[in-house]
């Protein structure tokens, strides 16, 4: 089962107040233009990260919506303020960012939600995100995906892009290979049919961590390494093609080759392969 592999699965970033912490490019540019020095601009730019929503993620690709995450993790202020008043330190370090945040202190403007100071998912202070040990994982080689989909939509990513709470990430060893397996026709069918909660009938799949961890995948061995390497090469080809030509690029022939290799890994018979291919699975 995948849970026994050397991989880690994490939920995307939960801000507790997306209106303040997830911004569009226009807002990012306005904040940076408001910085009072090049040093402040550089500090501010360094903590604003590109971010994806679950719905932005496709099969072997994503379509970035021009959104950014303001990432000040819990603990950052106390680690750096050196005895100075916490808010005064933040205000002096990020004055332009402070101005952006202040409009959200008590309400989001609609009166329908709590402000930054009242939200549940908060760090030590209202300008910090909730405690989380895995922020660095987002900048590693990883697989990204949305939890509920109509077809497998796993994407191999090396761009250091973050994912918000409607998506998931997986880091660790053999990530490229795992991405090919999870997008393949046979593994999709096994997941949907046999893993509790994994299938949603005609509605598709629910790729929760607990379901994925129970999924039996063929691990790399010295004997199957040639097949594993072929799958990894195909995943990279597909990913690069879609990155260059867009998510609508037709990579079905390359994906079909991955399916054939996965059949070999599971040692399926011709009859079993026909059952899978006639199942109507995506």
C-alpha atoms as a PDB file:
ATOM      1  CA  UNK A   1       0.000   0.000   0.000  1.00  0.00           C
ATOM      2  CA  UNK A   2       1.069   3.545  -0.754  1.00  0.00           C
ATOM      3  CA  UNK A   3       0.995   4.343   2.964  1.00  0.00           C
ATOM      4  CA  UNK A   4       4.038   2.078   3.400  1.00  0.00           C
ATOM      5  CA  UNK A   5       6.033   3.944   0.760  1.00  0.00           C
ATOM      6  CA  UNK A   6       8.461   6.721   1.576  1.00  0.00           C
ATOM      7  CA  UNK A   7       5.963   9.456   0.663  1.00  0.00           C
ATOM      8  CA  UNK A   8       4.079  12.110   2.609  1.00  0.00           C
ATOM      9  CA  UNK A   9       0.597  13.426   1.861  1.00  0.00           C
ATOM     10  CA  UNK A  10      -0.469  16.865   3.030  1.00  0.00           C
ATOM     11  CA  UNK A  11      -3.522  19.062   2.751  1.00  0.00           C
ATOM     12  CA  UNK A  12      -3.134  22.436   1.072  1.00  0.00           C
ATOM     13  CA  UNK A  13      -2.656  25.631   3.045  1.00  0.00           C
ATOM     14  CA  UNK A  14      -5.573  26.644   5.270  1.00  0.00           C
ATOM     15  CA  UNK A  15      -5.483  30.412   5.857  1.00  0.00           C
ATOM     16  CA  UNK A  16      -8.699  30.919   7.798  1.00  0.00           C
ATOM     17  CA  UNK A  17      -9.258  34.066   5.749  1.00  0.00           C
ATOM     18  CA  UNK A  18      -8.598  33.684   2.039  1.00  0.00           C
ATOM     19  CA  UNK A  19      -9.752  37.224   1.222  1.00  0.00           C
ATOM     20  CA  UNK A  20      -6.721  38.620   3.043  1.00  0.00           C
ATOM     21  CA  UNK A  21      -4.075  35.967   2.430  1.00  0.00           C
ATOM     22  CA  UNK A  22      -4.845  34.863  -1.151  1.00  0.00           C
ATOM     23  CA  UNK A  23      -4.549  37.806  -3.515  1.00  0.00           C
ATOM     24  CA  UNK A  24      -4.621  38.385  -7.258  1.00  0.00           C
ATOM     25  CA  UNK A  25      -1.699  39.732  -9.258  1.00  0.00           C
ATOM     26  CA  UNK A  26      -3.097  43.265  -9.304  1.00  0.00           C
ATOM     27  CA  UNK A  27      -3.214  43.337  -5.496  1.00  0.00           C
ATOM     28  CA  UNK A  28       0.276  41.860  -5.256  1.00  0.00           C
ATOM     29  CA  UNK A  29       1.639  44.516  -7.600  1.00  0.00           C
ATOM     30  CA  UNK A  30      -0.104  47.250  -5.629  1.00  0.00           C
ATOM     31  CA  UNK A  31       1.380  46.019  -2.341  1.00  0.00           C
ATOM     32  CA  UNK A  32       4.882  45.829  -3.829  1.00  0.00           C
ATOM     33  CA  UNK A  33       4.543  49.281  -5.412  1.00  0.00           C
ATOM     34  CA  UNK A  34       3.616  50.667  -1.968  1.00  0.00           C
ATOM     35  CA  UNK A  35       6.851  49.463  -0.379  1.00  0.00           C
ATOM     36  CA  UNK A  36       9.008  52.328   0.890  1.00  0.00           C
ATOM     37  CA  UNK A  37      12.394  50.855   0.010  1.00  0.00           C
ATOM     38  CA  UNK A  38      13.968  48.183  -2.147  1.00  0.00           C
ATOM     39  CA  UNK A  39      14.746  46.202   0.996  1.00  0.00           C
ATOM     40  CA  UNK A  40      11.098  46.192   2.047  1.00  0.00           C
ATOM     41  CA  UNK A  41      10.008  45.287  -1.467  1.00  0.00           C
ATOM     42  CA  UNK A  42      12.439  42.342  -1.560  1.00  0.00           C
ATOM     43  CA  UNK A  43      11.311  41.104   1.888  1.00  0.00           C
ATOM     44  CA  UNK A  44       7.664  41.367   0.866  1.00  0.00           C
ATOM     45  CA  UNK A  45       8.146  39.765  -2.534  1.00  0.00           C
ATOM     46  CA  UNK A  46       9.918  36.799  -0.919  1.00  0.00           C
ATOM     47  CA  UNK A  47       6.898  35.861   1.223  1.00  0.00           C
ATOM     48  CA  UNK A  48       4.269  36.153  -1.539  1.00  0.00           C
ATOM     49  CA  UNK A  49       4.088  32.749  -3.249  1.00  0.00           C
ATOM     50  CA  UNK A  50       2.167  31.585  -6.342  1.00  0.00           C
ATOM     51  CA  UNK A  51      -0.780  29.438  -5.252  1.00  0.00           C
ATOM     52  CA  UNK A  52      -3.237  27.053  -6.903  1.00  0.00           C
ATOM     53  CA  UNK A  53      -6.800  26.189  -5.976  1.00  0.00           C
ATOM     54  CA  UNK A  54      -7.963  22.600  -6.316  1.00  0.00           C
ATOM     55  CA  UNK A  55     -10.013  23.477  -9.405  1.00  0.00           C
ATOM     56  CA  UNK A  56      -6.914  24.852 -11.146  1.00  0.00           C
ATOM     57  CA  UNK A  57      -5.284  21.408 -11.167  1.00  0.00           C
ATOM     58  CA  UNK A  58      -5.756  19.098 -14.143  1.00  0.00           C
ATOM     59  CA  UNK A  59      -4.400  15.776 -15.324  1.00  0.00           C
ATOM     60  CA  UNK A  60      -0.633  16.216 -15.695  1.00  0.00           C
ATOM     61  CA  UNK A  61      -1.097  20.012 -15.749  1.00  0.00           C
ATOM     62  CA  UNK A  62      -2.502  23.057 -14.034  1.00  0.00           C
ATOM     63  CA  UNK A  63      -3.865  26.411 -15.137  1.00  0.00           C
ATOM     64  CA  UNK A  64      -2.646  29.077 -12.735  1.00  0.00           C
ATOM     65  CA  UNK A  65      -5.259  31.772 -12.108  1.00  0.00           C
ATOM     66  CA  UNK A  66      -2.727  34.459 -11.206  1.00  0.00           C
ATOM     67  CA  UNK A  67      -3.281  34.054  -7.454  1.00  0.00           C
ATOM     68  CA  UNK A  68      -0.711  34.489  -4.689  1.00  0.00           C
ATOM     69  CA  UNK A  69      -0.409  33.388  -1.062  1.00  0.00           C
ATOM     70  CA  UNK A  70       0.949  35.724   1.605  1.00  0.00           C
ATOM     71  CA  UNK A  71       2.980  33.328   3.731  1.00  0.00           C
ATOM     72  CA  UNK A  72       4.001  34.437   7.208  1.00  0.00           C
ATOM     73  CA  UNK A  73       4.056  31.209   9.234  1.00  0.00           C
ATOM     74  CA  UNK A  74       3.240  30.874  12.898  1.00  0.00           C
ATOM     75  CA  UNK A  75       6.337  31.501  14.973  1.00  0.00           C
ATOM     76  CA  UNK A  76       8.006  33.856  12.471  1.00  0.00           C
ATOM     77  CA  UNK A  77       7.361  37.005  14.523  1.00  0.00           C
ATOM     78  CA  UNK A  78       8.599  35.640  17.827  1.00  0.00           C
ATOM     79  CA  UNK A  79      11.676  34.136  16.184  1.00  0.00           C
ATOM     80  CA  UNK A  80      12.717  37.458  14.665  1.00  0.00           C
ATOM     81  CA  UNK A  81      11.452  40.374  16.786  1.00  0.00           C
ATOM     82  CA  UNK A  82      14.281  40.187  19.385  1.00  0.00           C
ATOM     83  CA  UNK A  83      12.197  41.492  22.260  1.00  0.00           C
ATOM     84  CA  UNK A  84      10.524  44.285  20.286  1.00  0.00           C
ATOM     85  CA  UNK A  85       6.733  44.660  20.522  1.00  0.00           C
ATOM     86  CA  UNK A  86       5.271  42.087  18.121  1.00  0.00           C
ATOM     87  CA  UNK A  87       2.933  44.351  16.159  1.00  0.00           C
ATOM     88  CA  UNK A  88       5.447  47.207  16.008  1.00  0.00           C
ATOM     89  CA  UNK A  89       8.024  44.776  14.607  1.00  0.00           C
ATOM     90  CA  UNK A  90       5.596  43.517  11.958  1.00  0.00           C
ATOM     91  CA  UNK A  91       4.492  47.048  11.053  1.00  0.00           C
ATOM     92  CA  UNK A  92       8.105  48.201  10.645  1.00  0.00           C
ATOM     93  CA  UNK A  93       9.159  45.118   8.683  1.00  0.00           C
ATOM     94  CA  UNK A  94       6.194  44.996   6.311  1.00  0.00           C
ATOM     95  CA  UNK A  95       4.479  48.416   6.292  1.00  0.00           C
ATOM     96  CA  UNK A  96       2.841  47.937   2.872  1.00  0.00           C
ATOM     97  CA  UNK A  97       1.607  44.497   3.831  1.00  0.00           C
ATOM     98  CA  UNK A  98       0.320  45.854   7.119  1.00  0.00           C
ATOM     99  CA  UNK A  99      -1.809  48.376   5.222  1.00  0.00           C
ATOM    100  CA  UNK A 100      -3.241  45.584   3.086  1.00  0.00           C
ATOM    101  CA  UNK A 101      -4.123  43.467   6.126  1.00  0.00           C
ATOM    102  CA  UNK A 102      -5.659  46.244   8.207  1.00  0.00           C
ATOM    103  CA  UNK A 103      -8.763  46.419   6.005  1.00  0.00           C
ATOM    104  CA  UNK A 104      -9.565  42.847   7.103  1.00  0.00           C
ATOM    105  CA  UNK A 105      -8.926  43.165  10.840  1.00  0.00           C
ATOM    106  CA  UNK A 106     -12.530  42.883  12.030  1.00  0.00           C
ATOM    107  CA  UNK A 107     -14.611  41.928   9.005  1.00  0.00           C
ATOM    108  CA  UNK A 108     -14.261  40.993   5.380  1.00  0.00           C
ATOM    109  CA  UNK A 109     -16.545  43.848   4.371  1.00  0.00           C
ATOM    110  CA  UNK A 110     -19.702  41.751   4.078  1.00  0.00           C
ATOM    111  CA  UNK A 111     -20.420  41.275   7.747  1.00  0.00           C
ATOM    112  CA  UNK A 112     -20.718  37.542   7.120  1.00  0.00           C
ATOM    113  CA  UNK A 113     -17.412  36.308   8.482  1.00  0.00           C
ATOM    114  CA  UNK A 114     -14.940  36.970  11.242  1.00  0.00           C
ATOM    115  CA  UNK A 115     -11.993  39.257  10.713  1.00  0.00           C
ATOM    116  CA  UNK A 116      -8.301  38.419  10.876  1.00  0.00           C
ATOM    117  CA  UNK A 117      -8.178  38.860  14.624  1.00  0.00           C
ATOM    118  CA  UNK A 118     -11.105  36.504  15.240  1.00  0.00           C
ATOM    119  CA  UNK A 119     -10.403  33.658  12.841  1.00  0.00           C
ATOM    120  CA  UNK A 120      -9.727  30.181  14.185  1.00  0.00           C
ATOM    121  CA  UNK A 121      -6.844  29.219  11.889  1.00  0.00           C
ATOM    122  CA  UNK A 122      -4.304  31.758  13.097  1.00  0.00           C
ATOM    123  CA  UNK A 123      -0.681  31.770  14.167  1.00  0.00           C
ATOM    124  CA  UNK A 124       0.662  33.565  17.234  1.00  0.00           C
ATOM    125  CA  UNK A 125      -0.606  36.840  15.766  1.00  0.00           C
ATOM    126  CA  UNK A 126      -3.313  37.854  13.279  1.00  0.00           C
ATOM    127  CA  UNK A 127      -0.836  38.411  10.423  1.00  0.00           C
ATOM    128  CA  UNK A 128       0.513  34.856  10.716  1.00  0.00           C
ATOM    129  CA  UNK A 129      -0.877  31.636   9.245  1.00  0.00           C
ATOM    130  CA  UNK A 130      -1.781  28.684  11.427  1.00  0.00           C
ATOM    131  CA  UNK A 131       0.996  26.429  12.829  1.00  0.00           C
ATOM    132  CA  UNK A 132       2.167  24.040  10.136  1.00  0.00           C
ATOM    133  CA  UNK A 133       5.378  22.008   9.948  1.00  0.00           C
ATOM    134  CA  UNK A 134       5.200  21.265   6.234  1.00  0.00           C
ATOM    135  CA  UNK A 135       5.277  24.628   4.438  1.00  0.00           C
ATOM    136  CA  UNK A 136       8.737  23.761   2.977  1.00  0.00           C
ATOM    137  CA  UNK A 137       7.208  20.670   1.334  1.00  0.00           C
ATOM    138  CA  UNK A 138       5.359  22.862  -1.178  1.00  0.00           C
ATOM    139  CA  UNK A 139       8.663  23.953  -2.700  1.00  0.00           C
ATOM    140  CA  UNK A 140       9.827  20.380  -3.337  1.00  0.00           C
ATOM    141  CA  UNK A 141       9.192  18.039  -6.243  1.00  0.00           C
ATOM    142  CA  UNK A 142       5.628  16.913  -5.653  1.00  0.00           C
ATOM    143  CA  UNK A 143       2.309  15.602  -6.930  1.00  0.00           C
ATOM    144  CA  UNK A 144      -0.672  17.956  -6.617  1.00  0.00           C
ATOM    145  CA  UNK A 145      -4.368  17.118  -6.934  1.00  0.00           C
ATOM    146  CA  UNK A 146      -7.924  18.094  -6.090  1.00  0.00           C
ATOM    147  CA  UNK A 147      -9.793  15.804  -3.688  1.00  0.00           C
ATOM    148  CA  UNK A 148     -13.080  15.305  -5.575  1.00  0.00           C
ATOM    149  CA  UNK A 149     -12.832  14.893  -9.356  1.00  0.00           C
ATOM    150  CA  UNK A 150     -14.636  13.244 -12.278  1.00  0.00           C
ATOM    151  CA  UNK A 151     -11.434  11.581 -13.449  1.00  0.00           C
ATOM    152  CA  UNK A 152      -7.925  11.148 -11.993  1.00  0.00           C
ATOM    153  CA  UNK A 153      -6.227  14.542 -12.145  1.00  0.00           C
ATOM    154  CA  UNK A 154      -2.785  14.164 -10.617  1.00  0.00           C
ATOM    155  CA  UNK A 155      -0.107  16.612 -11.693  1.00  0.00           C
ATOM    156  CA  UNK A 156       3.659  16.281 -11.319  1.00  0.00           C
ATOM    157  CA  UNK A 157       5.072  19.663 -10.265  1.00  0.00           C
ATOM    158  CA  UNK A 158       8.537  21.110  -9.715  1.00  0.00           C
ATOM    159  CA  UNK A 159       7.600  24.812  -9.884  1.00  0.00           C
ATOM    160  CA  UNK A 160       7.538  25.490  -6.104  1.00  0.00           C
ATOM    161  CA  UNK A 161       3.916  26.550  -6.412  1.00  0.00           C
ATOM    162  CA  UNK A 162       1.769  26.336  -3.264  1.00  0.00           C
ATOM    163  CA  UNK A 163      -1.695  24.773  -3.066  1.00  0.00           C
ATOM    164  CA  UNK A 164      -4.542  26.062  -0.893  1.00  0.00           C
ATOM    165  CA  UNK A 165      -6.875  23.938   1.226  1.00  0.00           C
ATOM    166  CA  UNK A 166      -9.018  22.558  -1.637  1.00  0.00           C
ATOM    167  CA  UNK A 167      -6.000  20.636  -2.928  1.00  0.00           C
ATOM    168  CA  UNK A 168      -3.452  18.113  -1.679  1.00  0.00           C
ATOM    169  CA  UNK A 169       0.240  17.473  -2.252  1.00  0.00           C
ATOM    170  CA  UNK A 170       2.463  14.395  -2.056  1.00  0.00           C
ATOM    171  CA  UNK A 171       6.240  14.534  -1.610  1.00  0.00           C
ATOM    172  CA  UNK A 172       8.900  11.872  -1.164  1.00  0.00           C
ATOM    173  CA  UNK A 173      10.635   9.268  -3.285  1.00  0.00           C
ATOM    174  CA  UNK A 174       9.547   8.001  -6.723  1.00  0.00           C
ATOM    175  CA  UNK A 175       7.047  10.843  -7.108  1.00  0.00           C
ATOM    176  CA  UNK A 176       7.202  10.901 -10.910  1.00  0.00           C
ATOM    177  CA  UNK A 177       6.499   7.182 -11.060  1.00  0.00           C
ATOM    178  CA  UNK A 178       3.627   7.413  -8.547  1.00  0.00           C
ATOM    179  CA  UNK A 179       2.025  10.189 -10.603  1.00  0.00           C
ATOM    180  CA  UNK A 180       1.980   7.934 -13.668  1.00  0.00           C
ATOM    181  CA  UNK A 181       0.457   5.076 -11.683  1.00  0.00           C
ATOM    182  CA  UNK A 182      -2.299   7.191 -10.125  1.00  0.00           C
ATOM    183  CA  UNK A 183      -3.348   8.639 -13.495  1.00  0.00           C
ATOM    184  CA  UNK A 184      -3.357   5.243 -15.208  1.00  0.00           C
ATOM    185  CA  UNK A 185      -6.523   3.411 -16.200  1.00  0.00           C
ATOM    186  CA  UNK A 186      -5.929   0.224 -14.145  1.00  0.00           C
ATOM    187  CA  UNK A 187      -5.011   2.018 -10.914  1.00  0.00           C
ATOM    188  CA  UNK A 188      -7.985   4.371 -11.359  1.00  0.00           C
ATOM    189  CA  UNK A 189     -10.332   1.394 -11.586  1.00  0.00           C
ATOM    190  CA  UNK A 190      -8.783  -0.409  -8.614  1.00  0.00           C
ATOM    191  CA  UNK A 191      -9.121   2.723  -6.513  1.00  0.00           C
ATOM    192  CA  UNK A 192     -12.713   3.408  -7.480  1.00  0.00           C
ATOM    193  CA  UNK A 193     -13.930  -0.167  -7.001  1.00  0.00           C
ATOM    194  CA  UNK A 194     -12.105  -1.424  -3.958  1.00  0.00           C
ATOM    195  CA  UNK A 195     -11.176   1.396  -1.586  1.00  0.00           C
ATOM    196  CA  UNK A 196     -13.914   2.513   0.799  1.00  0.00           C
ATOM    197  CA  UNK A 197     -15.078   6.006   0.026  1.00  0.00           C
ATOM    198  CA  UNK A 198     -12.816   6.239  -2.994  1.00  0.00           C
ATOM    199  CA  UNK A 199     -15.568   5.940  -5.547  1.00  0.00           C
ATOM    200  CA  UNK A 200     -18.499   8.298  -5.841  1.00  0.00           C
ATOM    201  CA  UNK A 201     -20.536   6.227  -8.281  1.00  0.00           C
ATOM    202  CA  UNK A 202     -21.044   8.129 -11.501  1.00  0.00           C
ATOM    203  CA  UNK A 203     -19.802  11.277  -9.781  1.00  0.00           C
ATOM    204  CA  UNK A 204     -16.136  10.284  -9.920  1.00  0.00           C
ATOM    205  CA  UNK A 205     -13.514   9.917  -7.228  1.00  0.00           C
ATOM    206  CA  UNK A 206     -12.664  11.201  -3.789  1.00  0.00           C
ATOM    207  CA  UNK A 207      -8.904  11.091  -3.360  1.00  0.00           C
ATOM    208  CA  UNK A 208      -8.588  11.532   0.389  1.00  0.00           C
ATOM    209  CA  UNK A 209      -5.348  10.724   2.162  1.00  0.00           C
ATOM    210  CA  UNK A 210      -6.838   7.779   4.071  1.00  0.00           C
ATOM    211  CA  UNK A 211      -8.146   6.208   0.851  1.00  0.00           C
ATOM    212  CA  UNK A 212      -4.938   6.715  -1.110  1.00  0.00           C
ATOM    213  CA  UNK A 213      -2.770   5.258   1.635  1.00  0.00           C
ATOM    214  CA  UNK A 214      -4.582   1.910   1.330  1.00  0.00           C
ATOM    215  CA  UNK A 215      -4.051   1.650  -2.429  1.00  0.00           C
ATOM    216  CA  UNK A 216      -1.646  -1.183  -3.378  1.00  0.00           C
ATOM    217  CA  UNK A 217       0.903  -0.001  -5.926  1.00  0.00           C
ATOM    218  CA  UNK A 218       3.813  -2.016  -7.364  1.00  0.00           C
ATOM    219  CA  UNK A 219       6.993  -0.630  -5.792  1.00  0.00           C
ATOM    220  CA  UNK A 220      10.160  -0.189  -7.845  1.00  0.00           C
ATOM    221  CA  UNK A 221      12.470  -3.209  -7.750  1.00  0.00           C
ATOM    222  CA  UNK A 222      15.681  -4.093  -9.584  1.00  0.00           C
ATOM    223  CA  UNK A 223      13.564  -6.426 -11.754  1.00  0.00           C
ATOM    224  CA  UNK A 224      10.952  -3.863 -12.842  1.00  0.00           C
ATOM    225  CA  UNK A 225      13.228  -0.811 -12.940  1.00  0.00           C
ATOM    226  CA  UNK A 226      13.242  -0.656 -16.777  1.00  0.00           C
ATOM    227  CA  UNK A 227       9.430  -0.341 -16.745  1.00  0.00           C
ATOM    228  CA  UNK A 228       9.524   2.181 -13.900  1.00  0.00           C
ATOM    229  CA  UNK A 229      12.020   4.317 -15.820  1.00  0.00           C
ATOM    230  CA  UNK A 230       9.837   4.231 -18.935  1.00  0.00           C
ATOM    231  CA  UNK A 231       6.823   5.418 -16.919  1.00  0.00           C
ATOM    232  CA  UNK A 232       8.852   8.250 -15.390  1.00  0.00           C
ATOM    233  CA  UNK A 233      10.064   9.349 -18.824  1.00  0.00           C
ATOM    234  CA  UNK A 234       6.503   9.317 -20.190  1.00  0.00           C
ATOM    235  CA  UNK A 235       5.184  11.350 -17.244  1.00  0.00           C
ATOM    236  CA  UNK A 236       7.833  13.990 -17.875  1.00  0.00           C
ATOM    237  CA  UNK A 237       7.034  14.052 -21.601  1.00  0.00           C
ATOM    238  CA  UNK A 238       3.321  14.479 -20.950  1.00  0.00           C
ATOM    239  CA  UNK A 239       3.907  17.160 -18.307  1.00  0.00           C
ATOM    240  CA  UNK A 240       6.246  19.137 -20.569  1.00  0.00           C
ATOM    241  CA  UNK A 241       3.873  18.862 -23.535  1.00  0.00           C
ATOM    242  CA  UNK A 242       0.964  20.253 -21.510  1.00  0.00           C
ATOM    243  CA  UNK A 243       3.160  22.935 -19.972  1.00  0.00           C
ATOM    244  CA  UNK A 244       4.161  24.066 -23.468  1.00  0.00           C
ATOM    245  CA  UNK A 245       0.859  23.640 -25.316  1.00  0.00           C
ATOM    246  CA  UNK A 246      -1.673  23.926 -22.498  1.00  0.00           C
ATOM    247  CA  UNK A 247      -3.856  21.476 -20.603  1.00  0.00           C
ATOM    248  CA  UNK A 248      -5.931  20.756 -23.705  1.00  0.00           C
ATOM    249  CA  UNK A 249      -2.948  19.248 -25.526  1.00  0.00           C
ATOM    250  CA  UNK A 250      -3.676  15.672 -26.648  1.00  0.00           C
ATOM    251  CA  UNK A 251      -1.321  13.290 -24.825  1.00  0.00           C
ATOM    252  CA  UNK A 252      -3.613  10.265 -25.026  1.00  0.00           C
ATOM    253  CA  UNK A 253      -1.071   8.187 -26.950  1.00  0.00           C
ATOM    254  CA  UNK A 254       1.584   8.712 -24.277  1.00  0.00           C
ATOM    255  CA  UNK A 255      -0.949   8.008 -21.513  1.00  0.00           C
ATOM    256  CA  UNK A 256      -1.952   4.820 -23.297  1.00  0.00           C
ATOM    257  CA  UNK A 257       1.672   3.691 -23.213  1.00  0.00           C
ATOM    258  CA  UNK A 258       1.696   4.197 -19.442  1.00  0.00           C
ATOM    259  CA  UNK A 259      -1.429   2.024 -19.124  1.00  0.00           C
ATOM    260  CA  UNK A 260       0.269  -0.789 -21.024  1.00  0.00           C
ATOM    261  CA  UNK A 261       3.325  -0.609 -18.777  1.00  0.00           C
ATOM    262  CA  UNK A 262       1.176  -0.639 -15.629  1.00  0.00           C
ATOM    263  CA  UNK A 263      -0.609  -3.774 -16.873  1.00  0.00           C
ATOM    264  CA  UNK A 264       2.811  -5.424 -17.032  1.00  0.00           C
ATOM    265  CA  UNK A 265       3.676  -4.316 -13.491  1.00  0.00           C
ATOM    266  CA  UNK A 266       0.536  -5.972 -12.111  1.00  0.00           C
ATOM    267  CA  UNK A 267       1.033  -9.067 -14.268  1.00  0.00           C
ATOM    268  CA  UNK A 268      -2.475  -8.860 -15.701  1.00  0.00           C
ATOM    269  CA  UNK A 269      -3.759 -11.328 -18.283  1.00  0.00           C
ATOM    270  CA  UNK A 270      -5.266 -10.323 -21.619  1.00  0.00           C
ATOM    271  CA  UNK A 271      -8.704 -11.172 -20.250  1.00  0.00           C
ATOM    272  CA  UNK A 272      -8.173  -8.960 -17.186  1.00  0.00           C
ATOM    273  CA  UNK A 273      -6.924  -6.108 -19.365  1.00  0.00           C
ATOM    274  CA  UNK A 274     -10.068  -6.334 -21.507  1.00  0.00           C
ATOM    275  CA  UNK A 275     -12.243  -6.151 -18.394  1.00  0.00           C
ATOM    276  CA  UNK A 276     -10.488  -2.960 -17.321  1.00  0.00           C
ATOM    277  CA  UNK A 277     -10.614  -1.349 -20.764  1.00  0.00           C
ATOM    278  CA  UNK A 278     -14.293  -2.194 -21.188  1.00  0.00           C
ATOM    279  CA  UNK A 279     -15.168  -0.794 -17.765  1.00  0.00           C
ATOM    280  CA  UNK A 280     -15.726   2.719 -19.040  1.00  0.00           C
ATOM    281  CA  UNK A 281     -13.170   4.062 -16.590  1.00  0.00           C
ATOM    282  CA  UNK A 282     -11.473   7.368 -17.483  1.00  0.00           C
END
